[in-house]
Amino acid sequence: MHKGFILLNCDLGAEEYIVDELEQIGEVKNAYLTFGAYDVIAEIQSGDQDSFEKTIATIRKLSRVVSTMTLNVMSR
Protein backbone atom coordinates (compact mmCIF):
# COMPACT_ATOMS: atom_id res chain seq x y z
CA MET A 1 0.00 0.00 0.00
CA HIS A 2 1.34 3.40 -0.97
CA LYS A 3 -0.01 6.54 0.69
CA GLY A 4 0.49 10.25 0.11
CA PHE A 5 -1.10 13.65 -0.04
CA ILE A 6 -1.47 16.16 -2.85
CA LEU A 7 -1.93 19.85 -2.11
CA LEU A 8 -3.63 21.81 -4.85
CA ASN A 9 -4.05 25.41 -5.89
CA CYS A 10 -6.92 26.04 -8.26
CA ASP A 11 -8.66 28.83 -10.11
CA LEU A 12 -10.55 31.26 -7.91
CA GLY A 13 -13.98 29.81 -7.14
CA ALA A 14 -13.14 26.30 -8.40
CA GLU A 15 -12.45 24.73 -5.01
CA GLU A 16 -15.73 22.82 -4.65
CA TYR A 17 -15.59 21.70 -8.28
CA ILE A 18 -12.09 20.28 -7.70
CA VAL A 19 -13.18 18.42 -4.55
CA ASP A 20 -16.14 16.94 -6.44
CA GLU A 21 -13.80 15.78 -9.22
CA LEU A 22 -11.34 14.30 -6.72
CA GLU A 23 -14.10 12.32 -5.01
CA GLN A 24 -14.69 10.52 -8.34
CA ILE A 25 -11.14 9.12 -8.38
CA GLY A 26 -10.99 5.74 -6.62
CA GLU A 27 -7.54 6.21 -5.10
CA VAL A 28 -8.56 9.49 -3.44
CA LYS A 29 -9.69 8.53 0.06
CA ASN A 30 -10.42 12.05 1.35
CA ALA A 31 -10.45 15.55 -0.12
CA TYR A 32 -10.77 18.75 1.89
CA LEU A 33 -11.16 22.47 1.24
CA THR A 34 -8.49 24.38 3.14
CA PHE A 35 -7.53 27.94 4.00
CA GLY A 36 -3.93 29.04 3.64
CA ALA A 37 -1.25 28.48 1.02
CA TYR A 38 -3.26 25.69 -0.70
CA ASP A 39 -6.93 25.48 -1.61
CA VAL A 40 -7.48 21.70 -1.46
CA ILE A 41 -5.70 18.72 0.09
CA ALA A 42 -6.36 15.14 -0.97
CA GLU A 43 -5.30 11.86 0.64
CA ILE A 44 -4.31 9.18 -1.85
CA GLN A 45 -3.93 5.43 -1.28
CA SER A 46 -2.83 3.09 -4.03
CA GLY A 47 -1.45 -0.40 -4.38
CA ASP A 48 2.03 0.62 -5.54
CA GLN A 49 4.20 3.57 -6.54
CA ASP A 50 3.29 3.29 -10.24
CA SER A 51 -0.43 3.51 -9.51
CA PHE A 52 0.24 6.40 -7.12
CA GLU A 53 2.11 8.31 -9.84
CA LYS A 54 -0.67 7.70 -12.37
CA THR A 55 -3.22 9.06 -9.90
CA ILE A 56 -1.12 12.18 -9.33
CA ALA A 57 -0.85 12.68 -13.11
CA THR A 58 -4.64 12.36 -13.44
CA ILE A 59 -5.19 14.95 -10.72
CA ARG A 60 -2.69 17.39 -12.21
CA LYS A 61 -4.57 17.24 -15.53
CA LEU A 62 -7.90 18.27 -14.01
CA SER A 63 -9.20 21.49 -15.47
CA ARG A 64 -8.93 24.49 -13.16
CA VAL A 65 -5.96 23.02 -11.21
CA VAL A 66 -3.21 25.65 -11.27
CA SER A 67 -0.43 23.94 -9.29
CA THR A 68 0.20 20.99 -6.99
CA MET A 69 2.61 19.75 -4.36
CA THR A 70 2.87 16.02 -3.72
CA LEU A 71 3.85 14.55 -0.35
CA ASN A 72 4.79 10.85 -0.32
CA VAL A 73 4.33 9.14 3.03
CA MET A 74 7.35 7.09 4.01
CA SER A 75 6.74 3.66 5.47
CA ARG A 76 8.40 2.96 8.83
PDB file of N, CA and C in Angstrom:
ATOM      1  N   MET A   1       0.850  -1.185   0.000  1.00  0.00           N
ATOM      2  CA  MET A   1       0.000   0.000   0.000  1.00  0.00           C
ATOM      3  C   MET A   1       0.886   1.235   0.000  1.00  0.00           C
ATOM      4  N   HIS A   2       0.604   2.136  -0.901  1.00  0.00           N
ATOM      5  CA  HIS A   2       1.336   3.398  -0.972  1.00  0.00           C
ATOM      6  C   HIS A   2       0.369   4.519  -0.614  1.00  0.00           C
ATOM      7  N   LYS A   3       0.845   5.461   0.211  1.00  0.00           N
ATOM      8  CA  LYS A   3      -0.007   6.541   0.686  1.00  0.00           C
ATOM      9  C   LYS A   3       0.708   7.868   0.503  1.00  0.00           C
ATOM     10  N   GLY A   4      -0.074   8.918   0.229  1.00  0.00           N
ATOM     11  CA  GLY A   4       0.487  10.252   0.113  1.00  0.00           C
ATOM     12  C   GLY A   4      -0.610  11.298   0.097  1.00  0.00           C
ATOM     13  N   PHE A   5      -0.185  12.528  -0.006  1.00  0.00           N
ATOM     14  CA  PHE A   5      -1.103  13.653  -0.045  1.00  0.00           C
ATOM     15  C   PHE A   5      -0.731  14.540  -1.213  1.00  0.00           C
ATOM     16  N   ILE A   6      -1.724  15.171  -1.808  1.00  0.00           N
ATOM     17  CA  ILE A   6      -1.471  16.163  -2.848  1.00  0.00           C
ATOM     18  C   ILE A   6      -2.177  17.446  -2.433  1.00  0.00           C
ATOM     19  N   LEU A   7      -1.417  18.527  -2.444  1.00  0.00           N
ATOM     20  CA  LEU A   7      -1.931  19.847  -2.107  1.00  0.00           C
ATOM     21  C   LEU A   7      -2.127  20.585  -3.417  1.00  0.00           C
ATOM     22  N   LEU A   8      -3.284  21.198  -3.574  1.00  0.00           N
ATOM     23  CA  LEU A   8      -3.632  21.814  -4.851  1.00  0.00           C
ATOM     24  C   LEU A   8      -3.986  23.284  -4.701  1.00  0.00           C
ATOM     25  N   ASN A   9      -3.547  24.058  -5.679  1.00  0.00           N
ATOM     26  CA  ASN A   9      -4.048  25.411  -5.887  1.00  0.00           C
ATOM     27  C   ASN A   9      -4.898  25.362  -7.141  1.00  0.00           C
ATOM     28  N   CYS A  10      -6.008  26.081  -7.115  1.00  0.00           N
ATOM     29  CA  CYS A  10      -6.918  26.040  -8.259  1.00  0.00           C
ATOM     30  C   CYS A  10      -7.393  27.445  -8.599  1.00  0.00           C
ATOM     31  N   ASP A  11      -8.078  27.556  -9.715  1.00  0.00           N
ATOM     32  CA  ASP A  11      -8.655  28.832 -10.107  1.00  0.00           C
ATOM     33  C   ASP A  11      -9.591  29.337  -9.015  1.00  0.00           C
ATOM     34  N   LEU A  12      -9.662  30.640  -8.883  1.00  0.00           N
ATOM     35  CA  LEU A  12     -10.548  31.261  -7.907  1.00  0.00           C
ATOM     36  C   LEU A  12     -11.981  30.790  -8.117  1.00  0.00           C
ATOM     37  N   GLY A  13     -12.602  30.271  -7.075  1.00  0.00           N
ATOM     38  CA  GLY A  13     -13.984  29.807  -7.141  1.00  0.00           C
ATOM     39  C   GLY A  13     -14.155  28.373  -7.589  1.00  0.00           C
ATOM     40  N   ALA A  14     -13.053  27.677  -7.899  1.00  0.00           N
ATOM     41  CA  ALA A  14     -13.145  26.301  -8.400  1.00  0.00           C
ATOM     42  C   ALA A  14     -12.934  25.251  -7.321  1.00  0.00           C
ATOM     43  N   GLU A  15     -12.802  25.651  -6.086  1.00  0.00           N
ATOM     44  CA  GLU A  15     -12.450  24.730  -5.014  1.00  0.00           C
ATOM     45  C   GLU A  15     -13.451  23.578  -4.863  1.00  0.00           C
ATOM     46  N   GLU A  16     -14.727  23.882  -4.817  1.00  0.00           N
ATOM     47  CA  GLU A  16     -15.733  22.822  -4.645  1.00  0.00           C
ATOM     48  C   GLU A  16     -15.801  21.923  -5.874  1.00  0.00           C
ATOM     49  N   TYR A  17     -15.641  22.487  -7.049  1.00  0.00           N
ATOM     50  CA  TYR A  17     -15.589  21.696  -8.281  1.00  0.00           C
ATOM     51  C   TYR A  17     -14.431  20.702  -8.219  1.00  0.00           C
ATOM     52  N   ILE A  18     -13.275  21.152  -7.785  1.00  0.00           N
ATOM     53  CA  ILE A  18     -12.093  20.278  -7.696  1.00  0.00           C
ATOM     54  C   ILE A  18     -12.340  19.155  -6.698  1.00  0.00           C
ATOM     55  N   VAL A  19     -12.893  19.464  -5.544  1.00  0.00           N
ATOM     56  CA  VAL A  19     -13.182  18.421  -4.546  1.00  0.00           C
ATOM     57  C   VAL A  19     -14.166  17.405  -5.119  1.00  0.00           C
ATOM     58  N   ASP A  20     -15.189  17.861  -5.814  1.00  0.00           N
ATOM     59  CA  ASP A  20     -16.144  16.942  -6.438  1.00  0.00           C
ATOM     60  C   ASP A  20     -15.448  16.025  -7.442  1.00  0.00           C
ATOM     61  N   GLU A  21     -14.546  16.580  -8.245  1.00  0.00           N
ATOM     62  CA  GLU A  21     -13.799  15.778  -9.217  1.00  0.00           C
ATOM     63  C   GLU A  21     -12.889  14.766  -8.513  1.00  0.00           C
ATOM     64  N   LEU A  22     -12.232  15.189  -7.458  1.00  0.00           N
ATOM     65  CA  LEU A  22     -11.339  14.298  -6.716  1.00  0.00           C
ATOM     66  C   LEU A  22     -12.098  13.123  -6.110  1.00  0.00           C
ATOM     67  N   GLU A  23     -13.298  13.380  -5.634  1.00  0.00           N
ATOM     68  CA  GLU A  23     -14.097  12.317  -5.015  1.00  0.00           C
ATOM     69  C   GLU A  23     -14.504  11.239  -6.013  1.00  0.00           C
ATOM     70  N   GLN A  24     -14.381  11.515  -7.307  1.00  0.00           N
ATOM     71  CA  GLN A  24     -14.693  10.524  -8.341  1.00  0.00           C
ATOM     72  C   GLN A  24     -13.504   9.612  -8.666  1.00  0.00           C
ATOM     73  N   ILE A  25     -12.346   9.908  -8.123  1.00  0.00           N
ATOM     74  CA  ILE A  25     -11.138   9.121  -8.375  1.00  0.00           C
ATOM     75  C   ILE A  25     -10.998   8.098  -7.258  1.00  0.00           C
ATOM     76  N   GLY A  26     -10.976   6.821  -7.604  1.00  0.00           N
ATOM     77  CA  GLY A  26     -10.993   5.742  -6.620  1.00  0.00           C
ATOM     78  C   GLY A  26      -9.863   5.761  -5.615  1.00  0.00           C
ATOM     79  N   GLU A  27      -8.684   6.197  -6.016  1.00  0.00           N
ATOM     80  CA  GLU A  27      -7.538   6.205  -5.100  1.00  0.00           C
ATOM     81  C   GLU A  27      -7.573   7.372  -4.116  1.00  0.00           C
ATOM     82  N   VAL A  28      -8.428   8.346  -4.351  1.00  0.00           N
ATOM     83  CA  VAL A  28      -8.559   9.486  -3.438  1.00  0.00           C
ATOM     84  C   VAL A  28      -9.485   9.071  -2.300  1.00  0.00           C
ATOM     85  N   LYS A  29      -8.917   8.979  -1.100  1.00  0.00           N
ATOM     86  CA  LYS A  29      -9.693   8.527   0.058  1.00  0.00           C
ATOM     87  C   LYS A  29     -10.409   9.673   0.759  1.00  0.00           C
ATOM     88  N   ASN A  30      -9.809  10.864   0.755  1.00  0.00           N
ATOM     89  CA  ASN A  30     -10.418  12.049   1.351  1.00  0.00           C
ATOM     90  C   ASN A  30      -9.953  13.272   0.582  1.00  0.00           C
ATOM     91  N   ALA A  31     -10.813  14.271   0.497  1.00  0.00           N
ATOM     92  CA  ALA A  31     -10.453  15.552  -0.117  1.00  0.00           C
ATOM     93  C   ALA A  31     -11.096  16.659   0.714  1.00  0.00           C
ATOM     94  N   TYR A  32     -10.308  17.686   1.001  1.00  0.00           N
ATOM     95  CA  TYR A  32     -10.769  18.749   1.892  1.00  0.00           C
ATOM     96  C   TYR A  32     -10.484  20.118   1.302  1.00  0.00           C
ATOM     97  N   LEU A  33     -11.417  21.055   1.509  1.00  0.00           N
ATOM     98  CA  LEU A  33     -11.164  22.466   1.237  1.00  0.00           C
ATOM     99  C   LEU A  33     -10.316  22.987   2.391  1.00  0.00           C
ATOM    100  N   THR A  34      -9.347  23.852   2.088  1.00  0.00           N
ATOM    101  CA  THR A  34      -8.486  24.384   3.137  1.00  0.00           C
ATOM    102  C   THR A  34      -8.325  25.888   2.970  1.00  0.00           C
ATOM    103  N   PHE A  35      -7.903  26.533   4.026  1.00  0.00           N
ATOM    104  CA  PHE A  35      -7.531  27.944   3.998  1.00  0.00           C
ATOM    105  C   PHE A  35      -6.028  28.005   4.197  1.00  0.00           C
ATOM    106  N   GLY A  36      -5.374  28.908   3.508  1.00  0.00           N
ATOM    107  CA  GLY A  36      -3.933  29.038   3.642  1.00  0.00           C
ATOM    108  C   GLY A  36      -3.259  29.020   2.287  1.00  0.00           C
ATOM    109  N   ALA A  37      -2.052  28.471   2.248  1.00  0.00           N
ATOM    110  CA  ALA A  37      -1.249  28.481   1.023  1.00  0.00           C
ATOM    111  C   ALA A  37      -1.853  27.610  -0.077  1.00  0.00           C
ATOM    112  N   TYR A  38      -2.639  26.593   0.281  1.00  0.00           N
ATOM    113  CA  TYR A  38      -3.256  25.691  -0.695  1.00  0.00           C
ATOM    114  C   TYR A  38      -4.769  25.714  -0.524  1.00  0.00           C
ATOM    115  N   ASP A  39      -5.474  25.425  -1.618  1.00  0.00           N
ATOM    116  CA  ASP A  39      -6.933  25.478  -1.614  1.00  0.00           C
ATOM    117  C   ASP A  39      -7.580  24.147  -1.244  1.00  0.00           C
ATOM    118  N   VAL A  40      -6.931  23.041  -1.640  1.00  0.00           N
ATOM    119  CA  VAL A  40      -7.484  21.701  -1.457  1.00  0.00           C
ATOM    120  C   VAL A  40      -6.351  20.760  -1.086  1.00  0.00           C
ATOM    121  N   ILE A  41      -6.647  19.794  -0.210  1.00  0.00           N
ATOM    122  CA  ILE A  41      -5.705  18.721   0.088  1.00  0.00           C
ATOM    123  C   ILE A  41      -6.443  17.396  -0.100  1.00  0.00           C
ATOM    124  N   ALA A  42      -5.759  16.448  -0.725  1.00  0.00           N
ATOM    125  CA  ALA A  42      -6.358  15.136  -0.965  1.00  0.00           C
ATOM    126  C   ALA A  42      -5.431  14.047  -0.450  1.00  0.00           C
ATOM    127  N   GLU A  43      -6.023  13.044   0.177  1.00  0.00           N
ATOM    128  CA  GLU A  43      -5.297  11.863   0.640  1.00  0.00           C
ATOM    129  C   GLU A  43      -5.450  10.765  -0.405  1.00  0.00           C
ATOM    130  N   ILE A  44      -4.320  10.199  -0.796  1.00  0.00           N
ATOM    131  CA  ILE A  44      -4.311   9.178  -1.846  1.00  0.00           C
ATOM    132  C   ILE A  44      -3.749   7.880  -1.293  1.00  0.00           C
ATOM    133  N   GLN A  45      -4.417   6.772  -1.615  1.00  0.00           N
ATOM    134  CA  GLN A  45      -3.926   5.434  -1.280  1.00  0.00           C
ATOM    135  C   GLN A  45      -3.988   4.585  -2.539  1.00  0.00           C
ATOM    136  N   SER A  46      -2.868   3.954  -2.859  1.00  0.00           N
ATOM    137  CA  SER A  46      -2.831   3.092  -4.035  1.00  0.00           C
ATOM    138  C   SER A  46      -2.032   1.842  -3.711  1.00  0.00           C
ATOM    139  N   GLY A  47      -2.112   0.867  -4.609  1.00  0.00           N
ATOM    140  CA  GLY A  47      -1.450  -0.404  -4.380  1.00  0.00           C
ATOM    141  C   GLY A  47       0.060  -0.361  -4.491  1.00  0.00           C
ATOM    142  N   ASP A  48       0.582   0.549  -5.333  1.00  0.00           N
ATOM    143  CA  ASP A  48       2.026   0.620  -5.536  1.00  0.00           C
ATOM    144  C   ASP A  48       2.408   2.020  -6.023  1.00  0.00           C
ATOM    145  N   GLN A  49       3.699   2.255  -6.140  1.00  0.00           N
ATOM    146  CA  GLN A  49       4.204   3.566  -6.542  1.00  0.00           C
ATOM    147  C   GLN A  49       3.734   3.949  -7.946  1.00  0.00           C
ATOM    148  N   ASP A  50       3.712   2.996  -8.872  1.00  0.00           N
ATOM    149  CA  ASP A  50       3.293   3.290 -10.241  1.00  0.00           C
ATOM    150  C   ASP A  50       1.853   3.778 -10.281  1.00  0.00           C
ATOM    151  N   SER A  51       0.971   3.108  -9.574  1.00  0.00           N
ATOM    152  CA  SER A  51      -0.431   3.512  -9.512  1.00  0.00           C
ATOM    153  C   SER A  51      -0.567   4.879  -8.843  1.00  0.00           C
ATOM    154  N   PHE A  52       0.233   5.107  -7.813  1.00  0.00           N
ATOM    155  CA  PHE A  52       0.238   6.397  -7.120  1.00  0.00           C
ATOM    156  C   PHE A  52       0.603   7.513  -8.100  1.00  0.00           C
ATOM    157  N   GLU A  53       1.658   7.310  -8.881  1.00  0.00           N
ATOM    158  CA  GLU A  53       2.105   8.313  -9.835  1.00  0.00           C
ATOM    159  C   GLU A  53       1.065   8.568 -10.919  1.00  0.00           C
ATOM    160  N   LYS A  54       0.387   7.536 -11.371  1.00  0.00           N
ATOM    161  CA  LYS A  54      -0.667   7.702 -12.372  1.00  0.00           C
ATOM    162  C   LYS A  54      -1.827   8.517 -11.802  1.00  0.00           C
ATOM    163  N   THR A  55      -2.154   8.294 -10.551  1.00  0.00           N
ATOM    164  CA  THR A  55      -3.219   9.060  -9.902  1.00  0.00           C
ATOM    165  C   THR A  55      -2.835  10.529  -9.801  1.00  0.00           C
ATOM    166  N   ILE A  56      -1.592  10.797  -9.420  1.00  0.00           N
ATOM    167  CA  ILE A  56      -1.115  12.182  -9.329  1.00  0.00           C
ATOM    168  C   ILE A  56      -1.210  12.852 -10.705  1.00  0.00           C
ATOM    169  N   ALA A  57      -0.791  12.135 -11.743  1.00  0.00           N
ATOM    170  CA  ALA A  57      -0.848  12.684 -13.106  1.00  0.00           C
ATOM    171  C   ALA A  57      -2.289  13.005 -13.503  1.00  0.00           C
ATOM    172  N   THR A  58      -3.220  12.126 -13.146  1.00  0.00           N
ATOM    173  CA  THR A  58      -4.637  12.362 -13.444  1.00  0.00           C
ATOM    174  C   THR A  58      -5.130  13.624 -12.744  1.00  0.00           C
ATOM    175  N   ILE A  59      -4.765  13.786 -11.491  1.00  0.00           N
ATOM    176  CA  ILE A  59      -5.195  14.953 -10.719  1.00  0.00           C
ATOM    177  C   ILE A  59      -4.605  16.232 -11.302  1.00  0.00           C
ATOM    178  N   ARG A  60      -3.344  16.192 -11.670  1.00  0.00           N
ATOM    179  CA  ARG A  60      -2.690  17.391 -12.209  1.00  0.00           C
ATOM    180  C   ARG A  60      -3.312  17.839 -13.522  1.00  0.00           C
ATOM    181  N   LYS A  61      -3.941  16.917 -14.250  1.00  0.00           N
ATOM    182  CA  LYS A  61      -4.568  17.244 -15.533  1.00  0.00           C
ATOM    183  C   LYS A  61      -5.989  17.780 -15.395  1.00  0.00           C
ATOM    184  N   LEU A  62      -6.544  17.759 -14.188  1.00  0.00           N
ATOM    185  CA  LEU A  62      -7.903  18.271 -14.010  1.00  0.00           C
ATOM    186  C   LEU A  62      -7.969  19.734 -14.418  1.00  0.00           C
ATOM    187  N   SER A  63      -9.044  20.086 -15.108  1.00  0.00           N
ATOM    188  CA  SER A  63      -9.198  21.490 -15.469  1.00  0.00           C
ATOM    189  C   SER A  63      -9.368  22.315 -14.196  1.00  0.00           C
ATOM    190  N   ARG A  64      -8.844  23.509 -14.234  1.00  0.00           N
ATOM    191  CA  ARG A  64      -8.928  24.494 -13.156  1.00  0.00           C
ATOM    192  C   ARG A  64      -7.924  24.235 -12.026  1.00  0.00           C
ATOM    193  N   VAL A  65      -7.074  23.200 -12.147  1.00  0.00           N
ATOM    194  CA  VAL A  65      -5.964  23.018 -11.213  1.00  0.00           C
ATOM    195  C   VAL A  65      -4.807  23.865 -11.728  1.00  0.00           C
ATOM    196  N   VAL A  66      -4.288  24.744 -10.879  1.00  0.00           N
ATOM    197  CA  VAL A  66      -3.214  25.652 -11.269  1.00  0.00           C
ATOM    198  C   VAL A  66      -1.850  25.065 -10.931  1.00  0.00           C
ATOM    199  N   SER A  67      -1.701  24.522  -9.713  1.00  0.00           N
ATOM    200  CA  SER A  67      -0.430  23.945  -9.294  1.00  0.00           C
ATOM    201  C   SER A  67      -0.676  22.913  -8.207  1.00  0.00           C
ATOM    202  N   THR A  68       0.318  22.038  -8.010  1.00  0.00           N
ATOM    203  CA  THR A  68       0.200  20.990  -6.991  1.00  0.00           C
ATOM    204  C   THR A  68       1.525  20.813  -6.264  1.00  0.00           C
ATOM    205  N   MET A  69       1.439  20.221  -5.085  1.00  0.00           N
ATOM    206  CA  MET A  69       2.610  19.748  -4.358  1.00  0.00           C
ATOM    207  C   MET A  69       2.255  18.352  -3.848  1.00  0.00           C
ATOM    208  N   THR A  70       3.121  17.392  -4.120  1.00  0.00           N
ATOM    209  CA  THR A  70       2.872  16.016  -3.719  1.00  0.00           C
ATOM    210  C   THR A  70       3.745  15.662  -2.533  1.00  0.00           C
ATOM    211  N   LEU A  71       3.138  15.020  -1.539  1.00  0.00           N
ATOM    212  CA  LEU A  71       3.853  14.547  -0.354  1.00  0.00           C
ATOM    213  C   LEU A  71       3.702  13.037  -0.275  1.00  0.00           C
ATOM    214  N   ASN A  72       4.804  12.310  -0.449  1.00  0.00           N
ATOM    215  CA  ASN A  72       4.793  10.855  -0.321  1.00  0.00           C
ATOM    216  C   ASN A  72       4.988  10.494   1.143  1.00  0.00           C
ATOM    217  N   VAL A  73       4.164   9.605   1.649  1.00  0.00           N
ATOM    218  CA  VAL A  73       4.325   9.139   3.028  1.00  0.00           C
ATOM    219  C   VAL A  73       5.346   8.015   3.027  1.00  0.00           C
ATOM    220  N   MET A  74       6.318   8.125   3.903  1.00  0.00           N
ATOM    221  CA  MET A  74       7.350   7.090   4.011  1.00  0.00           C
ATOM    222  C   MET A  74       6.880   5.996   4.955  1.00  0.00           C
ATOM    223  N   SER A  75       7.094   4.759   4.568  1.00  0.00           N
ATOM    224  CA  SER A  75       6.736   3.664   5.473  1.00  0.00           C
ATOM    225  C   SER A  75       7.825   3.520   6.519  1.00  0.00           C
ATOM    226  N   ARG A  76       7.431   3.091   7.720  1.00  0.00           N
ATOM    227  CA  ARG A  76       8.400   2.959   8.834  1.00  0.00           C
ATOM    228  C   ARG A  76       8.762   1.528   9.046  1.00  0.00           C
TER     229      ARG A  76
END
